[in-house]
Amino acid sequence: MPIILRLDVMLAERKVRSKELAEHVGITEANLSLLKQGKVKGVRFDTLEKICAYLRCQPGDLLRYDPGAEP
């Protein structure tokens, strides 16, 4: 998929644990893990908003477009 999720990078940069973020956003750790791995088809804007607010980042910090990546 040409969209690369960088959530794991942002968590490491902010020194935030997945469990902490999942609790704040209101999703399970399992769903957050799937999101980090890029194994989801989409993400709700309100979920993205909560993630960005907690990590103090922009959506573009979490998502990258790589046209050469596998479909």
C-alpha atoms as a PDB file:
ATOM      1  CA  MET A   1       0.000   0.000   0.000  1.00  0.00           C
ATOM      2  CA  PRO A   2       1.440   3.383  -0.907  1.00  0.00           C
ATOM      3  CA  ILE A   3       0.245   4.939   2.384  1.00  0.00           C
ATOM      4  CA  ILE A   4       2.803   4.343   5.143  1.00  0.00           C
ATOM      5  CA  LEU A   5       1.725   4.743   8.770  1.00  0.00           C
ATOM      6  CA  ARG A   6       4.385   6.185  11.054  1.00  0.00           C
ATOM      7  CA  LEU A   7       2.503   5.876  14.326  1.00  0.00           C
ATOM      8  CA  ASP A   8       5.181   3.669  15.864  1.00  0.00           C
ATOM      9  CA  VAL A   9       7.816   6.304  15.044  1.00  0.00           C
ATOM     10  CA  MET A  10       5.756   9.080  16.652  1.00  0.00           C
ATOM     11  CA  LEU A  11       5.146   6.977  19.768  1.00  0.00           C
ATOM     12  CA  ALA A  12       8.887   6.402  20.107  1.00  0.00           C
ATOM     13  CA  GLU A  13       9.736  10.070  19.517  1.00  0.00           C
ATOM     14  CA  ARG A  14       7.189  11.186  22.117  1.00  0.00           C
ATOM     15  CA  LYS A  15       8.114   8.361  24.520  1.00  0.00           C
ATOM     16  CA  VAL A  16       4.473   7.311  24.747  1.00  0.00           C
ATOM     17  CA  ARG A  17       3.397   3.701  25.280  1.00  0.00           C
ATOM     18  CA  SER A  18       0.760   2.149  23.060  1.00  0.00           C
ATOM     19  CA  LYS A  19      -1.376   1.289  26.078  1.00  0.00           C
ATOM     20  CA  GLU A  20      -1.398   4.931  27.204  1.00  0.00           C
ATOM     21  CA  LEU A  21      -2.433   6.178  23.760  1.00  0.00           C
ATOM     22  CA  ALA A  22      -5.100   3.489  23.336  1.00  0.00           C
ATOM     23  CA  GLU A  23      -6.680   4.436  26.666  1.00  0.00           C
ATOM     24  CA  HIS A  24      -6.719   8.137  25.786  1.00  0.00           C
ATOM     25  CA  VAL A  25      -8.150   7.576  22.306  1.00  0.00           C
ATOM     26  CA  GLY A  26     -10.714   5.036  23.481  1.00  0.00           C
ATOM     27  CA  ILE A  27      -9.678   2.066  21.347  1.00  0.00           C
ATOM     28  CA  THR A  28      -8.304  -1.317  22.300  1.00  0.00           C
ATOM     29  CA  GLU A  29      -4.572  -1.999  22.295  1.00  0.00           C
ATOM     30  CA  ALA A  30      -5.255  -4.678  19.677  1.00  0.00           C
ATOM     31  CA  ASN A  31      -6.866  -2.141  17.335  1.00  0.00           C
ATOM     32  CA  LEU A  32      -4.046   0.326  17.936  1.00  0.00           C
ATOM     33  CA  SER A  33      -1.567  -2.427  17.091  1.00  0.00           C
ATOM     34  CA  LEU A  34      -3.382  -3.121  13.815  1.00  0.00           C
ATOM     35  CA  LEU A  35      -3.283   0.592  13.048  1.00  0.00           C
ATOM     36  CA  LYS A  36       0.459   0.761  13.777  1.00  0.00           C
ATOM     37  CA  GLN A  37       1.068  -2.191  11.450  1.00  0.00           C
ATOM     38  CA  GLY A  38      -0.975  -0.644   8.646  1.00  0.00           C
ATOM     39  CA  LYS A  39      -3.431  -3.553   8.661  1.00  0.00           C
ATOM     40  CA  VAL A  40      -6.546  -1.390   8.640  1.00  0.00           C
ATOM     41  CA  LYS A  41      -8.520  -0.157   5.654  1.00  0.00           C
ATOM     42  CA  GLY A  42      -9.284   3.217   7.204  1.00  0.00           C
ATOM     43  CA  VAL A  43      -9.278   5.363  10.297  1.00  0.00           C
ATOM     44  CA  ARG A  44     -12.036   7.614  11.572  1.00  0.00           C
ATOM     45  CA  PHE A  45     -11.250  11.317  11.607  1.00  0.00           C
ATOM     46  CA  ASP A  46     -12.215  11.608  15.267  1.00  0.00           C
ATOM     47  CA  THR A  47      -9.729   8.823  16.116  1.00  0.00           C
ATOM     48  CA  LEU A  48      -7.029  10.540  14.072  1.00  0.00           C
ATOM     49  CA  GLU A  49      -7.843  13.836  15.792  1.00  0.00           C
ATOM     50  CA  LYS A  50      -7.473  12.282  19.264  1.00  0.00           C
ATOM     51  CA  ILE A  51      -4.177  10.651  18.307  1.00  0.00           C
ATOM     52  CA  CYS A  52      -2.802  13.915  16.936  1.00  0.00           C
ATOM     53  CA  ALA A  53      -3.963  15.885  19.985  1.00  0.00           C
ATOM     54  CA  TYR A  54      -2.356  13.421  22.398  1.00  0.00           C
ATOM     55  CA  LEU A  55       0.917  13.183  20.468  1.00  0.00           C
ATOM     56  CA  ARG A  56       0.915  16.909  19.637  1.00  0.00           C
ATOM     57  CA  CYS A  57       1.449  16.296  15.951  1.00  0.00           C
ATOM     58  CA  GLN A  58      -0.147  16.812  12.558  1.00  0.00           C
ATOM     59  CA  PRO A  59      -1.815  14.039  10.503  1.00  0.00           C
ATOM     60  CA  GLY A  60       1.043  14.388   8.019  1.00  0.00           C
ATOM     61  CA  ASP A  61       3.464  13.384  10.773  1.00  0.00           C
ATOM     62  CA  LEU A  62       1.664  10.036  10.996  1.00  0.00           C
ATOM     63  CA  LEU A  63       1.024   9.336   7.319  1.00  0.00           C
ATOM     64  CA  ARG A  64       3.383   9.208   4.347  1.00  0.00           C
ATOM     65  CA  TYR A  65       2.676   8.550   0.684  1.00  0.00           C
ATOM     66  CA  ASP A  66       5.176   6.336  -1.148  1.00  0.00           C
ATOM     67  CA  PRO A  67       4.018   5.641  -4.705  1.00  0.00           C
ATOM     68  CA  GLY A  68       6.683   2.929  -5.047  1.00  0.00           C
ATOM     69  CA  ALA A  69       5.349   0.893  -2.130  1.00  0.00           C
ATOM     70  CA  GLU A  70       3.557  -2.418  -2.718  1.00  0.00           C
ATOM     71  CA  PRO A  71      -0.163  -2.150  -3.473  1.00  0.00           C
END
